[in-house]
Amino acid sequence: MADQAMAIRKAPLAGLRGGSHAAILTPAAPASRISLRAGKDEVPALSAALGVTLPLRPKTSASSGKRHALWLGPDEWLVIDEDGADLMAAAASSGALHSAVDVSHRNTAIIVSGPGAEVAINSGCPQDLSLALFPVGACSRTIFGKAEIVLLRTAEDTFRLECWRSFAPFVFGLLSEGAEDAAH
């Protein structure tokens, strides 16, 4: 088989820093990601192959080291590996009937941290992000401004906000304004 050419892309938010003392915005390091669809019967085999248990309850996630599985729907997950592992090969090795699409170059992420992280995100997201309703490990597909995002709470004062790279400058800019507001 002939060698395949790979496009080399710059990170969409490379070098950007933003926010305020209340809400710090940091572009996340590149990661590998797959959009995964499968029936409930296939979950055990896929979980074993991916090395992380695919959650079955709404608004939940599971993590194993730097690998995260986020429940997006009854048969849909976003799987993220912060070490850049080949998630497509892992899913293919499961022997399970599934659909997996590599979305590593489609998505990028912004880490929002600090005591004003909720306020900064709520500047463009209508979802209640209080710790009581959106605890550590909670995730959801929602909107931020006019952009679709996937939001994961990784700590009491830290969120991973996934968005399409084409929307990243808009999302980062709006988040920056929200972070400034959170400082007041």
N, C-alpha and C. Protein backbone atom coordinates (compact mmCIF):
# COMPACT_ATOMS: atom_id res chain seq x y z
N MET A 1 0.85 -1.17 0.00
CA MET A 1 0.00 0.00 0.00
C MET A 1 0.89 1.23 0.00
N ALA A 2 0.55 2.22 -0.75
CA ALA A 2 1.33 3.44 -0.87
C ALA A 2 1.25 4.25 0.42
N ASP A 3 2.29 5.01 0.68
CA ASP A 3 2.27 5.90 1.83
C ASP A 3 1.18 6.94 1.65
N GLN A 4 0.56 7.30 2.75
CA GLN A 4 -0.49 8.30 2.70
C GLN A 4 0.08 9.65 3.11
N ALA A 5 -0.33 10.67 2.42
CA ALA A 5 0.08 12.02 2.79
C ALA A 5 -0.80 12.51 3.93
N MET A 6 -0.19 13.13 4.90
CA MET A 6 -0.93 13.65 6.03
C MET A 6 -0.82 15.18 6.03
N ALA A 7 -1.94 15.83 6.19
CA ALA A 7 -1.95 17.28 6.28
C ALA A 7 -1.42 17.69 7.65
N ILE A 8 -0.57 18.68 7.66
CA ILE A 8 -0.07 19.21 8.92
C ILE A 8 -0.79 20.52 9.15
N ARG A 9 -1.51 20.56 10.26
CA ARG A 9 -2.30 21.75 10.55
C ARG A 9 -1.77 22.43 11.79
N LYS A 10 -1.84 23.74 11.77
CA LYS A 10 -1.49 24.49 12.96
C LYS A 10 -2.67 24.45 13.92
N ALA A 11 -2.35 24.46 15.19
CA ALA A 11 -3.41 24.51 16.19
C ALA A 11 -4.15 25.84 16.01
N PRO A 12 -5.47 25.82 16.00
CA PRO A 12 -6.23 27.03 15.70
C PRO A 12 -6.07 28.14 16.73
N LEU A 13 -5.68 27.81 17.94
CA LEU A 13 -5.55 28.82 18.98
C LEU A 13 -4.12 28.89 19.52
N ALA A 14 -3.17 28.42 18.73
CA ALA A 14 -1.77 28.36 19.17
C ALA A 14 -1.29 29.71 19.68
N GLY A 15 -0.72 29.68 20.86
CA GLY A 15 -0.12 30.88 21.44
C GLY A 15 -1.09 31.81 22.14
N LEU A 16 -2.38 31.56 22.04
CA LEU A 16 -3.34 32.46 22.69
C LEU A 16 -3.44 32.17 24.18
N ARG A 17 -3.56 33.19 24.93
CA ARG A 17 -3.87 33.12 26.35
C ARG A 17 -4.92 34.18 26.57
N GLY A 18 -5.80 33.94 27.49
CA GLY A 18 -6.83 34.93 27.70
C GLY A 18 -7.50 34.75 29.02
N GLY A 19 -8.48 35.58 29.24
CA GLY A 19 -9.26 35.48 30.44
C GLY A 19 -8.91 36.57 31.42
N SER A 20 -9.06 36.23 32.68
CA SER A 20 -8.83 37.17 33.76
C SER A 20 -8.34 36.39 34.97
N HIS A 21 -8.14 37.08 36.08
CA HIS A 21 -7.73 36.38 37.29
C HIS A 21 -8.84 35.44 37.79
N ALA A 22 -10.07 35.67 37.39
CA ALA A 22 -11.20 34.85 37.82
C ALA A 22 -11.44 33.64 36.91
N ALA A 23 -11.13 33.78 35.63
CA ALA A 23 -11.36 32.70 34.66
C ALA A 23 -10.22 32.71 33.64
N ILE A 24 -9.36 31.71 33.74
CA ILE A 24 -8.20 31.60 32.86
C ILE A 24 -8.56 30.74 31.66
N LEU A 25 -8.23 31.20 30.47
CA LEU A 25 -8.49 30.46 29.23
C LEU A 25 -7.17 29.95 28.68
N THR A 26 -7.10 28.66 28.42
CA THR A 26 -5.89 28.06 27.89
C THR A 26 -6.25 27.12 26.75
N PRO A 27 -5.70 27.33 25.55
CA PRO A 27 -5.94 26.34 24.49
C PRO A 27 -5.39 24.98 24.93
N ALA A 28 -6.17 23.95 24.78
CA ALA A 28 -5.74 22.60 25.16
C ALA A 28 -4.72 22.09 24.15
N ALA A 29 -3.87 21.21 24.61
CA ALA A 29 -2.91 20.56 23.72
C ALA A 29 -3.67 19.71 22.70
N PRO A 30 -3.06 19.48 21.54
CA PRO A 30 -3.72 18.62 20.55
C PRO A 30 -4.05 17.25 21.16
N ALA A 31 -5.14 16.67 20.71
CA ALA A 31 -5.60 15.37 21.21
C ALA A 31 -6.21 14.59 20.05
N SER A 32 -6.29 13.29 20.21
CA SER A 32 -7.02 12.51 19.21
C SER A 32 -8.45 12.32 19.72
N ARG A 33 -9.38 12.27 18.78
CA ARG A 33 -10.80 12.19 19.13
C ARG A 33 -11.53 11.33 18.10
N ILE A 34 -12.49 10.57 18.59
CA ILE A 34 -13.41 9.89 17.67
C ILE A 34 -14.83 10.16 18.11
N SER A 35 -15.68 10.28 17.12
CA SER A 35 -17.12 10.30 17.33
C SER A 35 -17.55 8.85 17.15
N LEU A 36 -18.09 8.27 18.20
CA LEU A 36 -18.38 6.84 18.22
C LEU A 36 -19.87 6.59 18.37
N ARG A 37 -20.39 5.69 17.54
CA ARG A 37 -21.80 5.27 17.63
C ARG A 37 -21.81 3.75 17.70
N ALA A 38 -22.63 3.23 18.62
CA ALA A 38 -22.75 1.78 18.76
C ALA A 38 -23.96 1.45 19.60
N GLY A 39 -24.46 0.25 19.42
CA GLY A 39 -25.57 -0.23 20.24
C GLY A 39 -25.08 -0.64 21.62
N LYS A 40 -26.02 -0.72 22.54
CA LYS A 40 -25.71 -1.04 23.94
C LYS A 40 -24.97 -2.37 24.09
N ASP A 41 -25.31 -3.35 23.25
CA ASP A 41 -24.67 -4.67 23.34
C ASP A 41 -23.19 -4.63 22.96
N GLU A 42 -22.78 -3.62 22.23
CA GLU A 42 -21.40 -3.51 21.76
C GLU A 42 -20.51 -2.76 22.76
N VAL A 43 -21.11 -2.13 23.77
CA VAL A 43 -20.37 -1.28 24.71
C VAL A 43 -19.26 -2.02 25.46
N PRO A 44 -19.51 -3.24 25.99
CA PRO A 44 -18.42 -3.91 26.72
C PRO A 44 -17.16 -4.15 25.87
N ALA A 45 -17.34 -4.61 24.65
CA ALA A 45 -16.19 -4.87 23.78
C ALA A 45 -15.47 -3.58 23.40
N LEU A 46 -16.24 -2.54 23.09
CA LEU A 46 -15.62 -1.26 22.75
C LEU A 46 -14.92 -0.65 23.96
N SER A 47 -15.52 -0.74 25.13
CA SER A 47 -14.90 -0.22 26.34
C SER A 47 -13.56 -0.91 26.60
N ALA A 48 -13.54 -2.23 26.46
CA ALA A 48 -12.30 -2.98 26.68
C ALA A 48 -11.23 -2.58 25.67
N ALA A 49 -11.62 -2.45 24.41
CA ALA A 49 -10.65 -2.10 23.37
C ALA A 49 -10.12 -0.68 23.53
N LEU A 50 -10.99 0.23 23.97
CA LEU A 50 -10.60 1.64 24.12
C LEU A 50 -9.91 1.92 25.46
N GLY A 51 -10.03 1.01 26.40
CA GLY A 51 -9.38 1.21 27.69
C GLY A 51 -10.07 2.22 28.58
N VAL A 52 -11.34 2.49 28.31
CA VAL A 52 -12.15 3.38 29.14
C VAL A 52 -13.60 2.91 29.02
N THR A 53 -14.31 2.89 30.14
CA THR A 53 -15.69 2.43 30.13
C THR A 53 -16.60 3.48 29.50
N LEU A 54 -17.29 3.10 28.46
CA LEU A 54 -18.24 4.01 27.82
C LEU A 54 -19.44 4.19 28.74
N PRO A 55 -19.72 5.42 29.19
CA PRO A 55 -20.85 5.63 30.11
C PRO A 55 -22.18 5.41 29.40
N LEU A 56 -23.16 4.98 30.17
CA LEU A 56 -24.48 4.70 29.61
C LEU A 56 -25.56 5.63 30.12
N ARG A 57 -25.20 6.55 31.00
CA ARG A 57 -26.18 7.49 31.55
C ARG A 57 -25.98 8.88 30.96
N PRO A 58 -27.06 9.60 30.73
CA PRO A 58 -26.95 10.97 30.20
C PRO A 58 -26.10 11.87 31.10
N LYS A 59 -25.38 12.77 30.44
CA LYS A 59 -24.60 13.80 31.11
C LYS A 59 -23.44 13.25 31.95
N THR A 60 -22.95 12.03 31.60
CA THR A 60 -21.85 11.44 32.35
C THR A 60 -20.65 11.20 31.45
N SER A 61 -19.51 11.06 32.09
CA SER A 61 -18.27 10.75 31.39
C SER A 61 -17.49 9.73 32.21
N ALA A 62 -16.48 9.16 31.59
CA ALA A 62 -15.57 8.26 32.29
C ALA A 62 -14.16 8.58 31.80
N SER A 63 -13.19 8.43 32.68
CA SER A 63 -11.81 8.71 32.32
C SER A 63 -10.91 7.60 32.80
N SER A 64 -9.86 7.38 32.03
CA SER A 64 -8.80 6.46 32.41
C SER A 64 -7.51 7.12 31.97
N GLY A 65 -6.78 7.66 32.93
CA GLY A 65 -5.58 8.42 32.59
C GLY A 65 -5.96 9.65 31.80
N LYS A 66 -5.39 9.79 30.60
CA LYS A 66 -5.68 10.94 29.75
C LYS A 66 -6.68 10.60 28.66
N ARG A 67 -7.43 9.53 28.84
CA ARG A 67 -8.47 9.14 27.89
C ARG A 67 -9.83 9.36 28.52
N HIS A 68 -10.74 9.99 27.78
CA HIS A 68 -12.05 10.34 28.30
C HIS A 68 -13.13 9.89 27.32
N ALA A 69 -14.21 9.36 27.86
CA ALA A 69 -15.38 8.97 27.06
C ALA A 69 -16.56 9.79 27.57
N LEU A 70 -17.17 10.58 26.69
CA LEU A 70 -18.27 11.47 27.04
C LEU A 70 -19.55 10.98 26.40
N TRP A 71 -20.60 10.78 27.21
CA TRP A 71 -21.90 10.36 26.71
C TRP A 71 -22.56 11.55 26.03
N LEU A 72 -22.91 11.40 24.75
CA LEU A 72 -23.60 12.47 24.02
C LEU A 72 -25.01 12.08 23.63
N GLY A 73 -25.33 10.81 23.67
CA GLY A 73 -26.64 10.33 23.30
C GLY A 73 -26.74 8.85 23.63
N PRO A 74 -27.93 8.26 23.48
CA PRO A 74 -28.12 6.85 23.85
C PRO A 74 -27.15 5.89 23.17
N ASP A 75 -26.66 6.23 21.99
CA ASP A 75 -25.71 5.37 21.29
C ASP A 75 -24.53 6.17 20.75
N GLU A 76 -24.19 7.28 21.41
CA GLU A 76 -23.16 8.18 20.87
C GLU A 76 -22.22 8.68 21.96
N TRP A 77 -20.93 8.65 21.66
CA TRP A 77 -19.90 9.12 22.58
C TRP A 77 -18.85 9.93 21.83
N LEU A 78 -18.24 10.84 22.52
CA LEU A 78 -17.02 11.50 22.05
C LEU A 78 -15.91 10.92 22.90
N VAL A 79 -14.93 10.31 22.27
CA VAL A 79 -13.79 9.73 22.99
C VAL A 79 -12.58 10.60 22.67
N ILE A 80 -11.91 11.05 23.72
CA ILE A 80 -10.77 11.96 23.60
C ILE A 80 -9.55 11.32 24.24
N ASP A 81 -8.42 11.32 23.54
CA ASP A 81 -7.17 10.85 24.12
C ASP A 81 -6.17 11.99 24.06
N GLU A 82 -5.79 12.50 25.23
CA GLU A 82 -4.88 13.65 25.29
C GLU A 82 -3.44 13.29 24.94
N ASP A 83 -3.13 11.99 24.83
CA ASP A 83 -1.79 11.57 24.42
C ASP A 83 -1.71 11.32 22.91
N GLY A 84 -2.82 11.49 22.20
CA GLY A 84 -2.82 11.35 20.74
C GLY A 84 -2.81 9.91 20.25
N ALA A 85 -3.28 8.97 21.06
CA ALA A 85 -3.31 7.56 20.66
C ALA A 85 -4.23 7.35 19.46
N ASP A 86 -4.04 6.25 18.78
CA ASP A 86 -4.84 5.91 17.60
C ASP A 86 -6.16 5.27 18.06
N LEU A 87 -7.15 6.09 18.29
CA LEU A 87 -8.45 5.61 18.77
C LEU A 87 -9.19 4.81 17.71
N MET A 88 -8.99 5.16 16.45
CA MET A 88 -9.66 4.41 15.37
C MET A 88 -9.18 2.96 15.37
N ALA A 89 -7.87 2.74 15.52
CA ALA A 89 -7.34 1.38 15.55
C ALA A 89 -7.83 0.64 16.78
N ALA A 90 -7.90 1.33 17.91
CA ALA A 90 -8.38 0.69 19.13
C ALA A 90 -9.84 0.25 18.97
N ALA A 91 -10.68 1.12 18.42
CA ALA A 91 -12.08 0.76 18.22
C ALA A 91 -12.21 -0.38 17.21
N ALA A 92 -11.41 -0.35 16.15
CA ALA A 92 -11.47 -1.40 15.13
C ALA A 92 -11.08 -2.76 15.71
N SER A 93 -10.19 -2.76 16.70
CA SER A 93 -9.74 -4.02 17.28
C SER A 93 -10.78 -4.66 18.19
N SER A 94 -11.87 -3.96 18.46
CA SER A 94 -12.89 -4.46 19.39
C SER A 94 -13.69 -5.64 18.85
N GLY A 95 -13.81 -5.71 17.54
CA GLY A 95 -14.65 -6.74 16.94
C GLY A 95 -16.13 -6.42 17.07
N ALA A 96 -16.45 -5.26 17.60
CA ALA A 96 -17.84 -4.86 17.82
C ALA A 96 -18.37 -4.09 16.61
N LEU A 97 -19.66 -4.23 16.36
CA LEU A 97 -20.32 -3.47 15.31
C LEU A 97 -20.46 -2.02 15.79
N HIS A 98 -19.86 -1.08 15.08
CA HIS A 98 -19.87 0.32 15.50
C HIS A 98 -19.56 1.22 14.30
N SER A 99 -19.73 2.50 14.52
CA SER A 99 -19.31 3.51 13.57
C SER A 99 -18.39 4.46 14.32
N ALA A 100 -17.21 4.69 13.79
CA ALA A 100 -16.26 5.61 14.41
C ALA A 100 -15.72 6.55 13.34
N VAL A 101 -15.70 7.82 13.66
CA VAL A 101 -15.17 8.84 12.75
C VAL A 101 -14.11 9.62 13.50
N ASP A 102 -12.93 9.71 12.90
CA ASP A 102 -11.85 10.48 13.52
C ASP A 102 -12.17 11.97 13.34
N VAL A 103 -12.36 12.67 14.45
CA VAL A 103 -12.67 14.10 14.42
C VAL A 103 -11.55 14.92 15.07
N SER A 104 -10.35 14.34 15.09
CA SER A 104 -9.21 15.00 15.74
C SER A 104 -8.90 16.36 15.16
N HIS A 105 -8.98 16.48 13.84
CA HIS A 105 -8.66 17.77 13.21
C HIS A 105 -9.87 18.68 13.09
N ARG A 106 -11.05 18.16 13.34
CA ARG A 106 -12.25 19.00 13.29
C ARG A 106 -12.40 19.79 14.58
N ASN A 107 -12.07 19.16 15.69
CA ASN A 107 -12.26 19.76 17.01
C ASN A 107 -10.99 20.37 17.57
N THR A 108 -11.19 21.29 18.48
CA THR A 108 -10.12 21.80 19.33
C THR A 108 -10.76 22.03 20.69
N ALA A 109 -9.95 22.30 21.69
CA ALA A 109 -10.50 22.47 23.03
C ALA A 109 -9.87 23.66 23.73
N ILE A 110 -10.66 24.25 24.62
CA ILE A 110 -10.21 25.34 25.46
C ILE A 110 -10.45 24.92 26.90
N ILE A 111 -9.44 25.06 27.74
CA ILE A 111 -9.57 24.78 29.16
C ILE A 111 -9.94 26.10 29.84
N VAL A 112 -11.05 26.09 30.56
CA VAL A 112 -11.52 27.27 31.29
C VAL A 112 -11.41 26.92 32.77
N SER A 113 -10.57 27.68 33.49
CA SER A 113 -10.34 27.34 34.90
C SER A 113 -10.37 28.59 35.77
N GLY A 114 -10.59 28.36 37.05
CA GLY A 114 -10.61 29.45 38.01
C GLY A 114 -11.96 29.60 38.65
N PRO A 115 -12.04 30.42 39.69
CA PRO A 115 -13.30 30.58 40.42
C PRO A 115 -14.43 31.19 39.58
N GLY A 116 -14.10 31.86 38.49
CA GLY A 116 -15.12 32.44 37.63
C GLY A 116 -15.37 31.66 36.36
N ALA A 117 -14.92 30.40 36.30
CA ALA A 117 -15.07 29.59 35.09
C ALA A 117 -16.54 29.42 34.70
N GLU A 118 -17.39 29.12 35.68
CA GLU A 118 -18.83 28.96 35.39
C GLU A 118 -19.41 30.24 34.80
N VAL A 119 -19.07 31.37 35.40
CA VAL A 119 -19.61 32.66 34.94
C VAL A 119 -19.14 32.94 33.51
N ALA A 120 -17.86 32.68 33.23
CA ALA A 120 -17.33 32.93 31.89
C ALA A 120 -18.07 32.09 30.85
N ILE A 121 -18.28 30.82 31.15
CA ILE A 121 -18.97 29.95 30.19
C ILE A 121 -20.44 30.34 30.08
N ASN A 122 -21.06 30.69 31.20
CA ASN A 122 -22.47 31.09 31.16
C ASN A 122 -22.69 32.41 30.44
N SER A 123 -21.63 33.12 30.09
CA SER A 123 -21.80 34.33 29.29
C SER A 123 -22.33 34.01 27.90
N GLY A 124 -22.17 32.75 27.46
CA GLY A 124 -22.66 32.37 26.14
C GLY A 124 -23.39 31.04 26.12
N CYS A 125 -23.52 30.41 27.29
CA CYS A 125 -24.15 29.09 27.37
C CYS A 125 -25.30 29.13 28.36
N PRO A 126 -26.51 28.76 27.93
CA PRO A 126 -27.68 28.88 28.80
C PRO A 126 -27.81 27.78 29.85
N GLN A 127 -26.95 26.79 29.83
CA GLN A 127 -27.07 25.65 30.73
C GLN A 127 -26.65 26.03 32.16
N ASP A 128 -27.35 25.51 33.16
CA ASP A 128 -27.00 25.73 34.56
C ASP A 128 -25.76 24.92 34.88
N LEU A 129 -24.64 25.59 35.15
CA LEU A 129 -23.38 24.93 35.40
C LEU A 129 -23.02 24.89 36.88
N SER A 130 -23.99 25.12 37.75
CA SER A 130 -23.71 25.05 39.18
C SER A 130 -23.21 23.64 39.51
N LEU A 131 -22.35 23.56 40.49
CA LEU A 131 -21.76 22.28 40.88
C LEU A 131 -22.82 21.25 41.25
N ALA A 132 -23.93 21.70 41.82
CA ALA A 132 -25.00 20.78 42.21
C ALA A 132 -25.66 20.12 40.99
N LEU A 133 -25.81 20.87 39.90
CA LEU A 133 -26.48 20.34 38.71
C LEU A 133 -25.52 19.86 37.62
N PHE A 134 -24.28 20.34 37.67
CA PHE A 134 -23.28 19.95 36.68
C PHE A 134 -21.99 19.61 37.44
N PRO A 135 -21.99 18.43 38.10
CA PRO A 135 -20.86 18.06 38.96
C PRO A 135 -19.61 17.68 38.16
N VAL A 136 -18.51 17.49 38.86
CA VAL A 136 -17.27 17.03 38.22
C VAL A 136 -17.57 15.73 37.48
N GLY A 137 -17.16 15.64 36.24
CA GLY A 137 -17.42 14.48 35.39
C GLY A 137 -18.64 14.63 34.50
N ALA A 138 -19.46 15.65 34.76
CA ALA A 138 -20.64 15.88 33.93
C ALA A 138 -20.20 16.40 32.56
N CYS A 139 -20.95 16.05 31.54
CA CYS A 139 -20.67 16.53 30.20
C CYS A 139 -21.97 16.71 29.44
N SER A 140 -21.95 17.56 28.43
CA SER A 140 -23.12 17.72 27.59
C SER A 140 -22.74 18.40 26.28
N ARG A 141 -23.55 18.12 25.29
CA ARG A 141 -23.47 18.86 24.03
C ARG A 141 -24.45 20.01 24.19
N THR A 142 -23.98 21.22 23.96
CA THR A 142 -24.80 22.40 24.17
C THR A 142 -24.35 23.49 23.20
N ILE A 143 -24.71 24.72 23.48
CA ILE A 143 -24.28 25.82 22.62
C ILE A 143 -23.50 26.84 23.45
N PHE A 144 -22.66 27.57 22.74
CA PHE A 144 -21.96 28.71 23.32
C PHE A 144 -22.04 29.81 22.27
N GLY A 145 -22.81 30.84 22.57
CA GLY A 145 -23.10 31.83 21.54
C GLY A 145 -23.89 31.14 20.45
N LYS A 146 -23.32 31.13 19.25
CA LYS A 146 -23.97 30.46 18.12
C LYS A 146 -23.25 29.18 17.72
N ALA A 147 -22.31 28.74 18.53
CA ALA A 147 -21.51 27.57 18.19
C ALA A 147 -21.89 26.36 19.05
N GLU A 148 -21.95 25.20 18.42
CA GLU A 148 -22.16 23.97 19.17
C GLU A 148 -20.86 23.64 19.89
N ILE A 149 -20.99 23.22 21.16
CA ILE A 149 -19.82 22.82 21.94
C ILE A 149 -20.14 21.52 22.67
N VAL A 150 -19.11 20.86 23.14
CA VAL A 150 -19.24 19.76 24.08
C VAL A 150 -18.47 20.21 25.31
N LEU A 151 -19.13 20.17 26.44
CA LEU A 151 -18.58 20.70 27.68
C LEU A 151 -18.37 19.56 28.67
N LEU A 152 -17.19 19.51 29.28
CA LEU A 152 -16.85 18.51 30.29
C LEU A 152 -16.30 19.22 31.51
N ARG A 153 -16.89 18.96 32.66
CA ARG A 153 -16.35 19.53 33.90
C ARG A 153 -15.30 18.56 34.43
N THR A 154 -14.04 19.00 34.48
CA THR A 154 -12.94 18.14 34.90
C THR A 154 -12.56 18.33 36.37
N ALA A 155 -12.93 19.45 36.96
CA ALA A 155 -12.69 19.73 38.38
C ALA A 155 -13.73 20.75 38.82
N GLU A 156 -13.79 21.04 40.11
CA GLU A 156 -14.80 21.99 40.59
C GLU A 156 -14.73 23.33 39.88
N ASP A 157 -13.52 23.76 39.54
CA ASP A 157 -13.37 25.07 38.90
C ASP A 157 -12.72 24.98 37.52
N THR A 158 -12.85 23.82 36.85
CA THR A 158 -12.21 23.63 35.54
C THR A 158 -13.13 22.90 34.58
N PHE A 159 -13.19 23.42 33.35
CA PHE A 159 -13.99 22.82 32.28
C PHE A 159 -13.12 22.62 31.04
N ARG A 160 -13.44 21.59 30.27
CA ARG A 160 -12.86 21.40 28.94
C ARG A 160 -13.99 21.69 27.97
N LEU A 161 -13.81 22.70 27.14
CA LEU A 161 -14.82 23.11 26.17
C LEU A 161 -14.32 22.70 24.78
N GLU A 162 -14.99 21.74 24.16
CA GLU A 162 -14.64 21.26 22.82
C GLU A 162 -15.50 22.00 21.81
N CYS A 163 -14.87 22.48 20.74
CA CYS A 163 -15.63 23.11 19.67
C CYS A 163 -14.96 22.80 18.33
N TRP A 164 -15.68 23.04 17.27
CA TRP A 164 -15.10 22.86 15.94
C TRP A 164 -14.03 23.93 15.74
N ARG A 165 -12.93 23.56 15.11
CA ARG A 165 -11.82 24.49 14.93
C ARG A 165 -12.23 25.74 14.15
N SER A 166 -13.20 25.63 13.26
CA SER A 166 -13.63 26.80 12.50
C SER A 166 -14.35 27.82 13.38
N PHE A 167 -14.91 27.37 14.51
CA PHE A 167 -15.57 28.28 15.44
C PHE A 167 -14.65 28.72 16.57
N ALA A 168 -13.46 28.16 16.67
CA ALA A 168 -12.57 28.40 17.81
C ALA A 168 -12.25 29.88 18.04
N PRO A 169 -11.92 30.66 17.03
CA PRO A 169 -11.64 32.08 17.31
C PRO A 169 -12.85 32.82 17.88
N PHE A 170 -14.04 32.53 17.35
CA PHE A 170 -15.27 33.14 17.87
C PHE A 170 -15.50 32.72 19.33
N VAL A 171 -15.40 31.42 19.60
CA VAL A 171 -15.63 30.91 20.95
C VAL A 171 -14.61 31.50 21.92
N PHE A 172 -13.34 31.52 21.52
CA PHE A 172 -12.30 32.04 22.40
C PHE A 172 -12.53 33.53 22.69
N GLY A 173 -12.90 34.27 21.66
CA GLY A 173 -13.16 35.70 21.85
C GLY A 173 -14.33 35.96 22.78
N LEU A 174 -15.42 35.23 22.60
CA LEU A 174 -16.58 35.40 23.46
C LEU A 174 -16.28 34.95 24.89
N LEU A 175 -15.52 33.85 25.01
CA LEU A 175 -15.10 33.39 26.34
C LEU A 175 -14.22 34.43 27.03
N SER A 176 -13.36 35.08 26.27
CA SER A 176 -12.49 36.13 26.83
C SER A 176 -13.32 37.26 27.43
N GLU A 177 -14.36 37.66 26.71
CA GLU A 177 -15.25 38.70 27.22
C GLU A 177 -15.97 38.22 28.48
N GLY A 178 -16.42 36.97 28.48
CA GLY A 178 -17.08 36.42 29.65
C GLY A 178 -16.14 36.32 30.84
N ALA A 179 -14.87 35.99 30.57
CA ALA A 179 -13.88 35.91 31.65
C ALA A 179 -13.62 37.27 32.26
N GLU A 180 -13.59 38.30 31.41
CA GLU A 180 -13.42 39.66 31.92
C GLU A 180 -14.61 40.04 32.81
N ASP A 181 -15.81 39.71 32.37
CA ASP A 181 -17.01 39.98 33.18
C ASP A 181 -16.98 39.23 34.50
N ALA A 182 -16.44 38.00 34.48
CA ALA A 182 -16.38 37.19 35.70
C ALA A 182 -15.45 37.80 36.74
N ALA A 183 -14.55 38.66 36.30
CA ALA A 183 -13.60 39.30 37.22
C ALA A 183 -14.21 40.46 37.97
N HIS A 184 -15.40 40.90 37.56
CA HIS A 184 -16.01 42.08 38.20
C HIS A 184 -17.03 41.70 39.24
